[in-house]
Amino acid sequence: MSWARIMAPLSGGQGDAAAVAAAAMIAEPFGAELAAVYTPADVADVMPWMGEGFLGGVQTTALESLKEATAAGEANARKAAACGYAKAQFVALQTPVWAGLSAESRLSDVVVFTSDPARGRGPLAEAFQQMVADEQRPVLVARPGLKVGGTVVVAWDGGKEASRAARLATPLLEKAARVVIVAAPKASSRSFDPARLQAYYAARGVKSEVQLLTDSGDAAPALLRAASSAGAEILVAGAFGHPRLQEFIFGGTTRTLLSSDGPSLFLSH
């Protein structure tokens, strides 16, 4: 298995350079394409606000200001995308932006974000939720210390989300020096055997070790401690949550992982 296209949504803001650098770090060992995708505020989202009270010159001024901000953001994003990676590609999305973002993600193996969007901050917060919840794309939340070829901890409870993340992360694990499967049987209502995931990896040439945690209740703090103890650069986990009104609400374990200062996260919902 391999990855051929790594995508990094960009906003034209200060976090773009870090997102591109992280995406390049993931792409380089695979010789993959890096797609830097500028994701501006969409004029289609602003227009409903401009009802009868926004007429004539006021409406025109507002739209022109948005166009100017979009152009300036694109220029900033292009600079960030010019990272020196040979297979980098820049894509500037047009309205409807959400549809373009979805289309780009569907032909990408991994979507890379920095911590702010994953924590609901900044202009890409909705894009992060769109990728995880709506498109169900594997995402990598890049944090300081990100490294391919180091130690990866895989959090597994036998469930659908965790198993999907564990499968999709296989190319990353093939590059790792050490893979640790961490399970907390007492924190789960289901019966599962981590040795089965270990056998799944072994059949694909990935050597791994199993660590059983004795903690019950919320598994997130124990997982983070295990990842820290192992010196993991990346933690693989399922992303749990549910839709509420027009927002996707992450479950408690996922919220803890996203808000922590732990290792980079490879997540799949």
C-alpha atoms as a PDB file:
ATOM      1  CA  MET A   1       0.000   0.000   0.000  1.00  0.00           C
ATOM      2  CA  SER A   2       1.053   3.579  -0.560  1.00  0.00           C
ATOM      3  CA  TRP A   3      -0.238   7.111  -0.590  1.00  0.00           C
ATOM      4  CA  ALA A   4      -0.174   9.131  -3.805  1.00  0.00           C
ATOM      5  CA  ARG A   5      -1.848  12.441  -2.895  1.00  0.00           C
ATOM      6  CA  ILE A   6      -1.683  14.402   0.345  1.00  0.00           C
ATOM      7  CA  MET A   7      -3.990  17.416   0.635  1.00  0.00           C
ATOM      8  CA  ALA A   8      -3.582  20.500   2.814  1.00  0.00           C
ATOM      9  CA  PRO A   9      -6.470  23.013   2.905  1.00  0.00           C
ATOM     10  CA  LEU A  10      -5.161  26.589   3.218  1.00  0.00           C
ATOM     11  CA  SER A  11      -6.900  29.757   4.379  1.00  0.00           C
ATOM     12  CA  GLY A  12      -4.394  32.424   3.366  1.00  0.00           C
ATOM     13  CA  GLY A  13      -3.539  32.882   7.043  1.00  0.00           C
ATOM     14  CA  GLN A  14      -0.561  32.365   9.316  1.00  0.00           C
ATOM     15  CA  GLY A  15      -1.115  28.635   9.779  1.00  0.00           C
ATOM     16  CA  ASP A  16      -0.686  27.808   6.094  1.00  0.00           C
ATOM     17  CA  ALA A  17       3.096  27.431   6.122  1.00  0.00           C
ATOM     18  CA  ALA A  18       2.951  24.902   8.959  1.00  0.00           C
ATOM     19  CA  ALA A  19       0.204  22.925   7.214  1.00  0.00           C
ATOM     20  CA  VAL A  20       2.167  22.785   3.961  1.00  0.00           C
ATOM     21  CA  ALA A  21       5.371  21.780   5.752  1.00  0.00           C
ATOM     22  CA  ALA A  22       3.543  18.962   7.533  1.00  0.00           C
ATOM     23  CA  ALA A  23       1.887  17.784   4.328  1.00  0.00           C
ATOM     24  CA  ALA A  24       5.258  17.775   2.561  1.00  0.00           C
ATOM     25  CA  MET A  25       6.736  15.744   5.418  1.00  0.00           C
ATOM     26  CA  ILE A  26       3.985  13.149   4.978  1.00  0.00           C
ATOM     27  CA  ALA A  27       4.147  13.167   1.169  1.00  0.00           C
ATOM     28  CA  GLU A  28       7.922  12.945   0.711  1.00  0.00           C
ATOM     29  CA  PRO A  29       8.521   9.342   1.919  1.00  0.00           C
ATOM     30  CA  PHE A  30       5.853   8.130  -0.511  1.00  0.00           C
ATOM     31  CA  GLY A  31       6.866  10.339  -3.423  1.00  0.00           C
ATOM     32  CA  ALA A  32       3.277  11.582  -3.260  1.00  0.00           C
ATOM     33  CA  GLU A  33       1.750  14.707  -4.739  1.00  0.00           C
ATOM     34  CA  LEU A  34       1.117  17.547  -2.306  1.00  0.00           C
ATOM     35  CA  ALA A  35      -2.113  19.385  -3.090  1.00  0.00           C
ATOM     36  CA  ALA A  36      -2.206  22.799  -1.399  1.00  0.00           C
ATOM     37  CA  VAL A  37      -5.875  23.765  -1.667  1.00  0.00           C
ATOM     38  CA  TYR A  38      -6.830  27.393  -1.015  1.00  0.00           C
ATOM     39  CA  THR A  39     -10.206  27.363   0.724  1.00  0.00           C
ATOM     40  CA  PRO A  40     -11.511  30.956   0.915  1.00  0.00           C
ATOM     41  CA  ALA A  41     -14.671  32.293   2.485  1.00  0.00           C
ATOM     42  CA  ASP A  42     -17.448  31.657  -0.024  1.00  0.00           C
ATOM     43  CA  VAL A  43     -19.446  34.580  -1.388  1.00  0.00           C
ATOM     44  CA  ALA A  44     -22.394  32.175  -1.607  1.00  0.00           C
ATOM     45  CA  ASP A  45     -22.317  31.884   2.195  1.00  0.00           C
ATOM     46  CA  VAL A  46     -22.303  35.648   2.640  1.00  0.00           C
ATOM     47  CA  MET A  47     -25.104  36.509   0.190  1.00  0.00           C
ATOM     48  CA  PRO A  48     -27.983  35.259   2.399  1.00  0.00           C
ATOM     49  CA  TRP A  49     -26.916  37.847   4.994  1.00  0.00           C
ATOM     50  CA  MET A  50     -27.420  40.574   2.413  1.00  0.00           C
ATOM     51  CA  GLY A  51     -31.167  40.858   2.336  1.00  0.00           C
ATOM     52  CA  GLU A  52     -33.214  43.940   1.607  1.00  0.00           C
ATOM     53  CA  GLY A  53     -31.165  45.920   4.115  1.00  0.00           C
ATOM     54  CA  PHE A  54     -28.042  45.503   2.018  1.00  0.00           C
ATOM     55  CA  LEU A  55     -28.809  47.439  -1.112  1.00  0.00           C
ATOM     56  CA  GLY A  56     -26.970  49.429  -3.692  1.00  0.00           C
ATOM     57  CA  GLY A  57     -23.578  50.747  -2.685  1.00  0.00           C
ATOM     58  CA  VAL A  58     -23.511  48.922   0.662  1.00  0.00           C
ATOM     59  CA  GLN A  59     -23.909  45.537  -1.007  1.00  0.00           C
ATOM     60  CA  THR A  60     -21.369  46.373  -3.690  1.00  0.00           C
ATOM     61  CA  THR A  61     -18.821  47.531  -1.124  1.00  0.00           C
ATOM     62  CA  ALA A  62     -19.272  44.374   0.949  1.00  0.00           C
ATOM     63  CA  LEU A  63     -18.798  42.112  -2.069  1.00  0.00           C
ATOM     64  CA  GLU A  64     -15.766  44.043  -3.271  1.00  0.00           C
ATOM     65  CA  SER A  65     -14.190  43.809   0.180  1.00  0.00           C
ATOM     66  CA  LEU A  66     -14.723  40.052   0.169  1.00  0.00           C
ATOM     67  CA  LYS A  67     -13.182  39.748  -3.290  1.00  0.00           C
ATOM     68  CA  GLU A  68     -10.156  41.773  -2.204  1.00  0.00           C
ATOM     69  CA  ALA A  69      -9.716  39.645   0.917  1.00  0.00           C
ATOM     70  CA  THR A  70     -10.013  36.489  -1.182  1.00  0.00           C
ATOM     71  CA  ALA A  71      -7.365  37.703  -3.625  1.00  0.00           C
ATOM     72  CA  ALA A  72      -4.998  38.678  -0.814  1.00  0.00           C
ATOM     73  CA  GLY A  73      -5.573  35.332   0.880  1.00  0.00           C
ATOM     74  CA  GLU A  74      -4.835  33.463  -2.332  1.00  0.00           C
ATOM     75  CA  ALA A  75      -1.557  35.346  -2.743  1.00  0.00           C
ATOM     76  CA  ASN A  76      -0.566  34.407   0.816  1.00  0.00           C
ATOM     77  CA  ALA A  77      -1.583  30.792   0.277  1.00  0.00           C
ATOM     78  CA  ARG A  78       0.459  30.597  -2.942  1.00  0.00           C
ATOM     79  CA  LYS A  79       3.524  31.806  -1.043  1.00  0.00           C
ATOM     80  CA  ALA A  80       2.997  29.163   1.622  1.00  0.00           C
ATOM     81  CA  ALA A  81       2.531  26.471  -1.019  1.00  0.00           C
ATOM     82  CA  ALA A  82       5.871  27.362  -2.629  1.00  0.00           C
ATOM     83  CA  CYS A  83       7.698  25.197  -0.106  1.00  0.00           C
ATOM     84  CA  GLY A  84      10.246  23.710  -2.473  1.00  0.00           C
ATOM     85  CA  TYR A  85       8.609  20.280  -2.576  1.00  0.00           C
ATOM     86  CA  ALA A  86       8.984  19.024  -6.148  1.00  0.00           C
ATOM     87  CA  LYS A  87       5.504  17.516  -6.471  1.00  0.00           C
ATOM     88  CA  ALA A  88       3.536  20.384  -4.924  1.00  0.00           C
ATOM     89  CA  GLN A  89       0.374  21.553  -6.675  1.00  0.00           C
ATOM     90  CA  PHE A  90      -1.683  24.657  -5.879  1.00  0.00           C
ATOM     91  CA  VAL A  91      -5.461  24.665  -6.251  1.00  0.00           C
ATOM     92  CA  ALA A  92      -7.629  27.754  -5.641  1.00  0.00           C
ATOM     93  CA  LEU A  93     -11.255  26.798  -5.026  1.00  0.00           C
ATOM     94  CA  GLN A  94     -14.108  28.784  -6.526  1.00  0.00           C
ATOM     95  CA  THR A  95     -17.714  29.059  -5.365  1.00  0.00           C
ATOM     96  CA  PRO A  96     -19.271  26.785  -4.208  1.00  0.00           C
ATOM     97  CA  VAL A  97     -16.141  26.275  -2.120  1.00  0.00           C
ATOM     98  CA  TRP A  98     -17.539  23.428  -0.015  1.00  0.00           C
ATOM     99  CA  ALA A  99     -18.248  21.375  -3.152  1.00  0.00           C
ATOM    100  CA  GLY A 100     -14.749  21.944  -4.498  1.00  0.00           C
ATOM    101  CA  LEU A 101     -13.201  21.017  -1.164  1.00  0.00           C
ATOM    102  CA  SER A 102     -15.193  17.792  -1.080  1.00  0.00           C
ATOM    103  CA  ALA A 103     -14.173  16.915  -4.630  1.00  0.00           C
ATOM    104  CA  GLU A 104     -10.482  17.507  -3.920  1.00  0.00           C
ATOM    105  CA  SER A 105     -10.593  15.438  -0.730  1.00  0.00           C
ATOM    106  CA  ARG A 106     -12.240  12.467  -2.418  1.00  0.00           C
ATOM    107  CA  LEU A 107      -9.183  12.015  -4.626  1.00  0.00           C
ATOM    108  CA  SER A 108      -6.706  12.496  -1.769  1.00  0.00           C
ATOM    109  CA  ASP A 109      -5.372   9.810   0.550  1.00  0.00           C
ATOM    110  CA  VAL A 110      -4.947  12.024   3.621  1.00  0.00           C
ATOM    111  CA  VAL A 111      -6.057  15.574   4.495  1.00  0.00           C
ATOM    112  CA  VAL A 112      -3.644  17.542   6.700  1.00  0.00           C
ATOM    113  CA  PHE A 113      -4.632  20.244   9.193  1.00  0.00           C
ATOM    114  CA  THR A 114      -2.845  22.040  12.005  1.00  0.00           C
ATOM    115  CA  SER A 115      -4.227  22.008  15.559  1.00  0.00           C
ATOM    116  CA  ASP A 116      -6.317  25.204  15.368  1.00  0.00           C
ATOM    117  CA  PRO A 117      -8.963  23.976  12.886  1.00  0.00           C
ATOM    118  CA  ALA A 118      -9.147  20.657  14.748  1.00  0.00           C
ATOM    119  CA  ARG A 119      -9.933  22.599  17.924  1.00  0.00           C
ATOM    120  CA  GLY A 120     -12.657  24.644  16.240  1.00  0.00           C
ATOM    121  CA  ARG A 121     -10.546  27.759  15.778  1.00  0.00           C
ATOM    122  CA  GLY A 122      -9.914  29.891  12.709  1.00  0.00           C
ATOM    123  CA  PRO A 123     -11.294  29.972   9.159  1.00  0.00           C
ATOM    124  CA  LEU A 124     -10.693  26.262   8.471  1.00  0.00           C
ATOM    125  CA  ALA A 125     -12.657  24.935  11.461  1.00  0.00           C
ATOM    126  CA  GLU A 126     -15.705  24.141   9.326  1.00  0.00           C
ATOM    127  CA  ALA A 127     -13.480  22.563   6.675  1.00  0.00           C
ATOM    128  CA  PHE A 128     -12.056  20.217   9.319  1.00  0.00           C
ATOM    129  CA  GLN A 129     -15.536  19.108  10.364  1.00  0.00           C
ATOM    130  CA  GLN A 130     -16.544  18.720   6.721  1.00  0.00           C
ATOM    131  CA  MET A 131     -13.591  16.432   6.041  1.00  0.00           C
ATOM    132  CA  VAL A 132     -14.039  14.298   9.149  1.00  0.00           C
ATOM    133  CA  ALA A 133     -17.815  14.104   9.479  1.00  0.00           C
ATOM    134  CA  ASP A 134     -19.301  14.702   6.023  1.00  0.00           C
ATOM    135  CA  GLU A 135     -16.629  13.272   3.739  1.00  0.00           C
ATOM    136  CA  GLN A 136     -15.266  10.798   6.303  1.00  0.00           C
ATOM    137  CA  ARG A 137     -11.764  11.341   4.992  1.00  0.00           C
ATOM    138  CA  PRO A 138      -8.717  10.316   7.025  1.00  0.00           C
ATOM    139  CA  VAL A 139      -7.175  13.454   8.488  1.00  0.00           C
ATOM    140  CA  LEU A 140      -3.816  14.115  10.053  1.00  0.00           C
ATOM    141  CA  VAL A 141      -3.694  16.801  12.734  1.00  0.00           C
ATOM    142  CA  ALA A 142      -0.081  17.969  12.546  1.00  0.00           C
ATOM    143  CA  ARG A 143       1.652  19.098  15.717  1.00  0.00           C
ATOM    144  CA  PRO A 144       5.256  19.911  16.652  1.00  0.00           C
ATOM    145  CA  GLY A 145       7.408  16.799  16.554  1.00  0.00           C
ATOM    146  CA  LEU A 146       5.602  15.223  13.600  1.00  0.00           C
ATOM    147  CA  LYS A 147       7.797  12.589  12.010  1.00  0.00           C
ATOM    148  CA  VAL A 148       7.394   9.768   9.517  1.00  0.00           C
ATOM    149  CA  GLY A 149       9.540   6.765  10.343  1.00  0.00           C
ATOM    150  CA  GLY A 150       9.426   7.044  14.123  1.00  0.00           C
ATOM    151  CA  THR A 151       7.006   5.535  16.642  1.00  0.00           C
ATOM    152  CA  VAL A 152       3.281   5.265  15.954  1.00  0.00           C
ATOM    153  CA  VAL A 153       0.718   4.272  18.583  1.00  0.00           C
ATOM    154  CA  VAL A 154      -2.549   2.772  17.324  1.00  0.00           C
ATOM    155  CA  ALA A 155      -5.522   3.082  19.695  1.00  0.00           C
ATOM    156  CA  TRP A 156      -7.884   0.181  19.024  1.00  0.00           C
ATOM    157  CA  ASP A 157     -11.093  -1.022  20.654  1.00  0.00           C
ATOM    158  CA  GLY A 158     -12.414  -3.322  17.936  1.00  0.00           C
ATOM    159  CA  GLY A 159     -15.022  -0.772  16.851  1.00  0.00           C
ATOM    160  CA  LYS A 160     -15.814   0.492  13.366  1.00  0.00           C
ATOM    161  CA  GLU A 161     -14.167   3.909  13.656  1.00  0.00           C
ATOM    162  CA  ALA A 162     -10.974   2.673  15.313  1.00  0.00           C
ATOM    163  CA  SER A 163     -10.680  -0.239  12.884  1.00  0.00           C
ATOM    164  CA  ARG A 164     -11.095   2.026   9.867  1.00  0.00           C
ATOM    165  CA  ALA A 165      -8.402   4.364  11.174  1.00  0.00           C
ATOM    166  CA  ALA A 166      -6.131   1.397  11.907  1.00  0.00           C
ATOM    167  CA  ARG A 167      -6.551   0.087   8.348  1.00  0.00           C
ATOM    168  CA  LEU A 168      -6.156   3.422   6.579  1.00  0.00           C
ATOM    169  CA  ALA A 169      -2.981   4.192   8.538  1.00  0.00           C
ATOM    170  CA  THR A 170      -1.221   1.066   7.233  1.00  0.00           C
ATOM    171  CA  PRO A 171       0.996   2.936   4.717  1.00  0.00           C
ATOM    172  CA  LEU A 172       2.180   5.177   7.545  1.00  0.00           C
ATOM    173  CA  LEU A 173       2.879   2.160   9.742  1.00  0.00           C
ATOM    174  CA  GLU A 174       4.910   0.525   6.984  1.00  0.00           C
ATOM    175  CA  LYS A 175       7.325   3.460   7.264  1.00  0.00           C
ATOM    176  CA  ALA A 176       7.440   3.420  11.078  1.00  0.00           C
ATOM    177  CA  ALA A 177      10.365   2.165  13.130  1.00  0.00           C
ATOM    178  CA  ARG A 178       8.008   1.011  15.879  1.00  0.00           C
ATOM    179  CA  VAL A 179       4.262   0.354  16.028  1.00  0.00           C
ATOM    180  CA  VAL A 180       2.442  -0.075  19.343  1.00  0.00           C
ATOM    181  CA  ILE A 181      -1.185  -1.228  19.484  1.00  0.00           C
ATOM    182  CA  VAL A 182      -2.731   0.185  22.653  1.00  0.00           C
ATOM    183  CA  ALA A 183      -6.010  -1.203  23.967  1.00  0.00           C
ATOM    184  CA  ALA A 184      -8.056  -0.526  27.096  1.00  0.00           C
ATOM    185  CA  PRO A 185     -10.444  -3.498  27.418  1.00  0.00           C
ATOM    186  CA  LYS A 186     -11.935  -2.272  30.710  1.00  0.00           C
ATOM    187  CA  ALA A 187     -12.893   1.039  29.092  1.00  0.00           C
ATOM    188  CA  SER A 188     -14.979  -0.653  26.379  1.00  0.00           C
ATOM    189  CA  SER A 189     -18.325  -2.429  26.496  1.00  0.00           C
ATOM    190  CA  ARG A 190     -17.355  -4.725  23.615  1.00  0.00           C
ATOM    191  CA  SER A 191     -15.145  -7.787  23.688  1.00  0.00           C
ATOM    192  CA  PHE A 192     -12.104  -7.578  21.410  1.00  0.00           C
ATOM    193  CA  ASP A 193      -8.649  -9.082  21.043  1.00  0.00           C
ATOM    194  CA  PRO A 194      -5.790  -6.732  20.043  1.00  0.00           C
ATOM    195  CA  ALA A 195      -3.865  -9.757  18.784  1.00  0.00           C
ATOM    196  CA  ARG A 196      -6.230  -9.825  15.812  1.00  0.00           C
ATOM    197  CA  LEU A 197      -5.142  -6.356  14.709  1.00  0.00           C
ATOM    198  CA  GLN A 198      -1.542  -7.382  15.321  1.00  0.00           C
ATOM    199  CA  ALA A 199      -2.086 -10.363  12.989  1.00  0.00           C
ATOM    200  CA  TYR A 200      -3.721  -8.077  10.405  1.00  0.00           C
ATOM    201  CA  TYR A 201      -0.623  -5.905  10.386  1.00  0.00           C
ATOM    202  CA  ALA A 202       1.761  -8.873  10.335  1.00  0.00           C
ATOM    203  CA  ALA A 203       0.046 -10.209   7.204  1.00  0.00           C
ATOM    204  CA  ARG A 204       0.918  -6.884   5.580  1.00  0.00           C
ATOM    205  CA  GLY A 205       4.519  -6.853   6.691  1.00  0.00           C
ATOM    206  CA  VAL A 206       4.068  -4.512   9.661  1.00  0.00           C
ATOM    207  CA  LYS A 207       5.596  -5.647  12.952  1.00  0.00           C
ATOM    208  CA  SER A 208       3.783  -4.379  16.026  1.00  0.00           C
ATOM    209  CA  GLU A 209       3.600  -4.861  19.766  1.00  0.00           C
ATOM    210  CA  VAL A 210       0.533  -4.829  22.006  1.00  0.00           C
ATOM    211  CA  GLN A 211       0.112  -2.836  25.200  1.00  0.00           C
ATOM    212  CA  LEU A 212      -2.948  -3.450  27.372  1.00  0.00           C
ATOM    213  CA  LEU A 213      -4.139  -0.635  29.623  1.00  0.00           C
ATOM    214  CA  THR A 214      -5.901  -1.389  32.889  1.00  0.00           C
ATOM    215  CA  ASP A 215      -7.797   1.902  33.037  1.00  0.00           C
ATOM    216  CA  SER A 216     -11.598   1.984  32.952  1.00  0.00           C
ATOM    217  CA  GLY A 217     -13.873   4.889  32.074  1.00  0.00           C
ATOM    218  CA  ASP A 218     -12.627   7.566  29.666  1.00  0.00           C
ATOM    219  CA  ALA A 219      -9.761   5.989  27.753  1.00  0.00           C
ATOM    220  CA  ALA A 220      -8.364   9.230  26.301  1.00  0.00           C
ATOM    221  CA  PRO A 221      -6.061  10.239  29.205  1.00  0.00           C
ATOM    222  CA  ALA A 222      -4.648   6.705  29.373  1.00  0.00           C
ATOM    223  CA  LEU A 223      -4.086   6.654  25.608  1.00  0.00           C
ATOM    224  CA  LEU A 224      -2.242   9.960  25.758  1.00  0.00           C
ATOM    225  CA  ARG A 225      -0.068   8.723  28.618  1.00  0.00           C
ATOM    226  CA  ALA A 226       0.723   5.550  26.687  1.00  0.00           C
ATOM    227  CA  ALA A 227       1.607   7.547  23.576  1.00  0.00           C
ATOM    228  CA  SER A 228       3.865   9.832  25.608  1.00  0.00           C
ATOM    229  CA  SER A 229       5.539   6.881  27.331  1.00  0.00           C
ATOM    230  CA  ALA A 230       6.202   5.227  23.975  1.00  0.00           C
ATOM    231  CA  GLY A 231       7.659   8.441  22.564  1.00  0.00           C
ATOM    232  CA  ALA A 232       5.097   8.392  19.770  1.00  0.00           C
ATOM    233  CA  GLU A 233       5.171  11.057  17.096  1.00  0.00           C
ATOM    234  CA  ILE A 234       1.731   9.997  15.805  1.00  0.00           C
ATOM    235  CA  LEU A 235      -1.365   8.560  17.495  1.00  0.00           C
ATOM    236  CA  VAL A 236      -3.863   6.704  15.284  1.00  0.00           C
ATOM    237  CA  ALA A 237      -7.460   6.712  16.534  1.00  0.00           C
ATOM    238  CA  GLY A 238     -11.067   6.598  15.448  1.00  0.00           C
ATOM    239  CA  ALA A 239     -12.982   9.882  15.502  1.00  0.00           C
ATOM    240  CA  PHE A 240     -16.280   9.582  17.344  1.00  0.00           C
ATOM    241  CA  GLY A 241     -19.191  11.981  17.294  1.00  0.00           C
ATOM    242  CA  HIS A 242     -22.726  12.724  16.124  1.00  0.00           C
ATOM    243  CA  PRO A 243     -24.544  15.434  14.165  1.00  0.00           C
ATOM    244  CA  ARG A 244     -26.557  18.023  16.092  1.00  0.00           C
ATOM    245  CA  LEU A 245     -28.464  20.672  14.160  1.00  0.00           C
ATOM    246  CA  GLN A 246     -25.911  21.843  11.560  1.00  0.00           C
ATOM    247  CA  GLU A 247     -22.844  20.966  13.605  1.00  0.00           C
ATOM    248  CA  PHE A 248     -20.916  17.758  14.198  1.00  0.00           C
ATOM    249  CA  ILE A 249     -20.287  17.202  17.895  1.00  0.00           C
ATOM    250  CA  PHE A 250     -17.196  15.151  18.674  1.00  0.00           C
ATOM    251  CA  GLY A 251     -17.417  12.579  21.448  1.00  0.00           C
ATOM    252  CA  GLY A 252     -15.599  13.019  24.735  1.00  0.00           C
ATOM    253  CA  THR A 253     -12.594  10.846  23.898  1.00  0.00           C
ATOM    254  CA  THR A 254     -12.077  12.554  20.541  1.00  0.00           C
ATOM    255  CA  ARG A 255     -12.460  16.024  22.092  1.00  0.00           C
ATOM    256  CA  THR A 256      -9.813  15.155  24.665  1.00  0.00           C
ATOM    257  CA  LEU A 257      -7.392  14.006  21.969  1.00  0.00           C
ATOM    258  CA  LEU A 258      -8.029  17.122  19.862  1.00  0.00           C
ATOM    259  CA  SER A 259      -7.593  19.518  22.783  1.00  0.00           C
ATOM    260  CA  SER A 260      -4.481  17.830  24.140  1.00  0.00           C
ATOM    261  CA  ASP A 261      -0.886  18.824  23.494  1.00  0.00           C
ATOM    262  CA  GLY A 262      -0.023  15.224  22.680  1.00  0.00           C
ATOM    263  CA  PRO A 263       1.396  13.791  19.458  1.00  0.00           C
ATOM    264  CA  SER A 264       0.082  14.403  15.964  1.00  0.00           C
ATOM    265  CA  LEU A 265      -3.197  12.584  15.316  1.00  0.00           C
ATOM    266  CA  PHE A 266      -4.266  10.353  12.438  1.00  0.00           C
ATOM    267  CA  LEU A 267      -8.066  10.218  12.675  1.00  0.00           C
ATOM    268  CA  SER A 268     -10.888   8.606  10.740  1.00  0.00           C
ATOM    269  CA  HIS A 269     -14.641   8.726  11.369  1.00  0.00           C
END
